[in-house]
Every structure is written in structure tokens, then in C-alpha cells.
Amino acid sequence: MIEIKNITILGAGNLGSRIGLQAAISGYRVVFYDLNEGAFHRAHEVFQKILKHLVKTEQLKHEATAVISSRIFFTTSPTEAVQDADGYFILRNSARIIGSANGRKTVSS
């Protein structure tokens, strides 16, 4: 059985960012792939709000936020995104991103 330590999230939007943050909180190294760098900035802002709330409600110690943040990475390179991945999530709208990133035709539902 493969031990999963590194996860790639294809799509750093609303859903992907929250799945990735939960994975990082759970101890996984997370790489977000997106063509839109603006999605990374928005995701980072959401992370900070959620982590601040978890500290405020005593669900998380403040010291843990730096450790969690150190597990999160962003890239616009499809090669970098998957090079260390043990598993990955493809989110609904990401099929278009994958198709335009690697030149292959993909089907988006």
C-alpha cells in the first residue's frame, strides 16, 4: 500500500483551496496548481482567515499555523505540480486547466 504524504490539488479556487488547507492541517504536503496566479493570492487570504478563526476558537494553537503554512506550495507549472505527488485531486473546472496546460484534450463535465 502506498503511503500518501504529498498531494497535488489541480485548481486553487474556492473548493480546491479548502480541500488543500484541510489536507495541510491533517499533515500532508500540498501543492496547488492553477494557471491563474490570482487564485493563489485569494487562497492564501482564505487560509489566513480560516487559520486565525481556528486559533481564536481554540481549535488550533497559534504555533501550528506556521507549520501548516509551511506545507502549502503554489505553482503554475504542471510538471512541478505533480513531480512529488503521491495523490491528486482534479476539481470540476480544472479539466480545462489541465487540457490547456499539457496540450491534451480533456472532457469537462
C-alpha atoms as a PDB file:
ATOM      1  CA  MET A   1       0.000   0.000   0.000  1.00  0.00           C
ATOM      2  CA  ILE A   2       1.270   3.461  -0.940  1.00  0.00           C
ATOM      3  CA  GLU A   3       1.693   5.925   1.899  1.00  0.00           C
ATOM      4  CA  ILE A   4       0.378   9.306   0.811  1.00  0.00           C
ATOM      5  CA  LYS A   5       2.383  12.286   2.051  1.00  0.00           C
ATOM      6  CA  ASN A   6       2.260  14.687  -0.904  1.00  0.00           C
ATOM      7  CA  ILE A   7      -0.959  15.830  -2.525  1.00  0.00           C
ATOM      8  CA  THR A   8      -1.471  17.984  -5.598  1.00  0.00           C
ATOM      9  CA  ILE A   9      -4.670  19.986  -5.945  1.00  0.00           C
ATOM     10  CA  LEU A  10      -5.444  20.913  -9.546  1.00  0.00           C
ATOM     11  CA  GLY A  11      -7.331  24.163  -9.128  1.00  0.00           C
ATOM     12  CA  ALA A  12      -6.768  26.682  -6.323  1.00  0.00           C
ATOM     13  CA  GLY A  13     -10.260  28.130  -6.354  1.00  0.00           C
ATOM     14  CA  ASN A  14     -12.873  28.098  -3.633  1.00  0.00           C
ATOM     15  CA  LEU A  15     -13.245  24.326  -3.293  1.00  0.00           C
ATOM     16  CA  GLY A  16      -9.646  23.366  -4.040  1.00  0.00           C
ATOM     17  CA  SER A  17      -8.190  25.823  -1.555  1.00  0.00           C
ATOM     18  CA  ARG A  18     -10.345  24.484   1.266  1.00  0.00           C
ATOM     19  CA  ILE A  19      -9.601  20.843   0.462  1.00  0.00           C
ATOM     20  CA  GLY A  20      -5.897  21.671   0.334  1.00  0.00           C
ATOM     21  CA  LEU A  21      -5.930  23.588   3.606  1.00  0.00           C
ATOM     22  CA  GLN A  22      -7.649  20.689   5.355  1.00  0.00           C
ATOM     23  CA  ALA A  23      -5.030  18.331   3.924  1.00  0.00           C
ATOM     24  CA  ALA A  24      -2.232  20.597   5.203  1.00  0.00           C
ATOM     25  CA  ILE A  25      -3.874  20.766   8.646  1.00  0.00           C
ATOM     26  CA  SER A  26      -4.000  16.962   8.579  1.00  0.00           C
ATOM     27  CA  GLY A  27      -0.244  16.787   7.971  1.00  0.00           C
ATOM     28  CA  TYR A  28       0.042  16.431   4.197  1.00  0.00           C
ATOM     29  CA  ARG A  29       2.345  18.465   1.955  1.00  0.00           C
ATOM     30  CA  VAL A  30       0.071  20.208  -0.558  1.00  0.00           C
ATOM     31  CA  VAL A  31       0.938  21.674  -3.947  1.00  0.00           C
ATOM     32  CA  PHE A  32      -1.714  23.779  -5.668  1.00  0.00           C
ATOM     33  CA  TYR A  33      -1.620  24.002  -9.435  1.00  0.00           C
ATOM     34  CA  ASP A  34      -3.509  26.700 -11.297  1.00  0.00           C
ATOM     35  CA  LEU A  35      -2.884  28.839 -14.362  1.00  0.00           C
ATOM     36  CA  ASN A  36      -4.350  31.854 -12.593  1.00  0.00           C
ATOM     37  CA  GLU A  37      -1.834  33.251 -10.089  1.00  0.00           C
ATOM     38  CA  GLY A  38      -4.606  35.432  -8.682  1.00  0.00           C
ATOM     39  CA  ALA A  39      -6.217  32.253  -7.353  1.00  0.00           C
ATOM     40  CA  PHE A  40      -3.104  31.700  -5.218  1.00  0.00           C
ATOM     41  CA  HIS A  41      -3.401  35.125  -3.618  1.00  0.00           C
ATOM     42  CA  ARG A  42      -7.091  34.617  -2.874  1.00  0.00           C
ATOM     43  CA  ALA A  43      -6.436  31.130  -1.488  1.00  0.00           C
ATOM     44  CA  HIS A  44      -3.693  32.480   0.792  1.00  0.00           C
ATOM     45  CA  GLU A  45      -6.072  35.133   2.144  1.00  0.00           C
ATOM     46  CA  VAL A  46      -8.722  32.478   2.822  1.00  0.00           C
ATOM     47  CA  PHE A  47      -6.132  30.291   4.582  1.00  0.00           C
ATOM     48  CA  GLN A  48      -5.158  33.130   6.863  1.00  0.00           C
ATOM     49  CA  LYS A  49      -8.783  33.866   7.790  1.00  0.00           C
ATOM     50  CA  ILE A  50      -9.582  30.220   8.487  1.00  0.00           C
ATOM     51  CA  LEU A  51      -6.405  29.620  10.497  1.00  0.00           C
ATOM     52  CA  LYS A  52      -6.993  32.798  12.508  1.00  0.00           C
ATOM     53  CA  HIS A  53     -10.534  31.624  13.280  1.00  0.00           C
ATOM     54  CA  LEU A  54      -9.291  28.170  14.346  1.00  0.00           C
ATOM     55  CA  VAL A  55      -6.789  29.789  16.717  1.00  0.00           C
ATOM     56  CA  LYS A  56      -9.392  32.203  18.083  1.00  0.00           C
ATOM     57  CA  THR A  57     -11.839  29.363  18.787  1.00  0.00           C
ATOM     58  CA  GLU A  58      -9.004  27.318  20.351  1.00  0.00           C
ATOM     59  CA  GLN A  59      -9.256  24.540  17.776  1.00  0.00           C
ATOM     60  CA  LEU A  60      -5.648  25.131  16.806  1.00  0.00           C
ATOM     61  CA  LYS A  61      -2.592  26.517  18.586  1.00  0.00           C
ATOM     62  CA  HIS A  62      -1.067  29.650  17.090  1.00  0.00           C
ATOM     63  CA  GLU A  63       2.309  27.906  16.714  1.00  0.00           C
ATOM     64  CA  ALA A  64       0.705  25.299  14.456  1.00  0.00           C
ATOM     65  CA  THR A  65      -0.251  27.882  11.819  1.00  0.00           C
ATOM     66  CA  ALA A  66       3.369  28.333  10.702  1.00  0.00           C
ATOM     67  CA  VAL A  67       3.834  24.559  10.406  1.00  0.00           C
ATOM     68  CA  ILE A  68       0.611  24.233   8.397  1.00  0.00           C
ATOM     69  CA  SER A  69       1.575  27.128   6.127  1.00  0.00           C
ATOM     70  CA  SER A  70       4.996  25.558   5.515  1.00  0.00           C
ATOM     71  CA  ARG A  71       3.249  22.522   3.990  1.00  0.00           C
ATOM     72  CA  ILE A  72       1.486  24.589   1.295  1.00  0.00           C
ATOM     73  CA  PHE A  73       3.012  25.418  -2.093  1.00  0.00           C
ATOM     74  CA  PHE A  74       1.696  27.059  -5.273  1.00  0.00           C
ATOM     75  CA  THR A  75       2.780  26.624  -8.892  1.00  0.00           C
ATOM     76  CA  THR A  76       1.673  27.376 -12.422  1.00  0.00           C
ATOM     77  CA  SER A  77       3.945  24.614 -13.737  1.00  0.00           C
ATOM     78  CA  PRO A  78       2.166  21.293 -14.382  1.00  0.00           C
ATOM     79  CA  THR A  79       5.497  19.469 -14.118  1.00  0.00           C
ATOM     80  CA  GLU A  80       6.301  20.946 -10.696  1.00  0.00           C
ATOM     81  CA  ALA A  81       2.751  20.326  -9.539  1.00  0.00           C
ATOM     82  CA  VAL A  82       2.899  16.561  -9.938  1.00  0.00           C
ATOM     83  CA  GLN A  83       6.594  15.742  -9.603  1.00  0.00           C
ATOM     84  CA  ASP A  84       6.366  14.625  -5.930  1.00  0.00           C
ATOM     85  CA  ALA A  85       2.645  13.843  -5.786  1.00  0.00           C
ATOM     86  CA  ASP A  86       1.500  10.619  -4.163  1.00  0.00           C
ATOM     87  CA  GLY A  87      -2.088  11.552  -4.975  1.00  0.00           C
ATOM     88  CA  TYR A  88      -4.023  14.373  -6.553  1.00  0.00           C
ATOM     89  CA  PHE A  89      -7.475  15.868  -6.785  1.00  0.00           C
ATOM     90  CA  ILE A  90      -8.958  17.154 -10.022  1.00  0.00           C
ATOM     91  CA  LEU A  91     -11.699  19.646  -9.371  1.00  0.00           C
ATOM     92  CA  ARG A  92     -14.595  20.115 -11.778  1.00  0.00           C
ATOM     93  CA  ASN A  93     -13.432  23.244 -13.572  1.00  0.00           C
ATOM     94  CA  SER A  94      -9.806  22.131 -13.593  1.00  0.00           C
ATOM     95  CA  ALA A  95     -10.233  19.849 -16.598  1.00  0.00           C
ATOM     96  CA  ARG A  96      -9.966  22.915 -18.822  1.00  0.00           C
ATOM     97  CA  ILE A  97      -6.792  23.948 -16.983  1.00  0.00           C
ATOM     98  CA  ILE A  98      -5.205  20.533 -17.485  1.00  0.00           C
ATOM     99  CA  GLY A  99      -6.187  20.484 -21.147  1.00  0.00           C
ATOM    100  CA  SER A 100      -4.633  23.838 -21.844  1.00  0.00           C
ATOM    101  CA  ALA A 101      -1.560  23.102 -19.727  1.00  0.00           C
ATOM    102  CA  ASN A 102      -0.421  19.841 -21.294  1.00  0.00           C
ATOM    103  CA  GLY A 103      -1.906  20.084 -24.765  1.00  0.00           C
ATOM    104  CA  ARG A 104      -4.138  17.058 -24.354  1.00  0.00           C
ATOM    105  CA  LYS A 105      -7.836  17.107 -24.920  1.00  0.00           C
ATOM    106  CA  THR A 106      -9.850  16.626 -21.760  1.00  0.00           C
ATOM    107  CA  VAL A 107     -13.549  16.368 -21.123  1.00  0.00           C
ATOM    108  CA  SER A 108     -15.045  18.764 -18.643  1.00  0.00           C
ATOM    109  CA  SER A 109     -18.428  17.962 -17.158  1.00  0.00           C
END
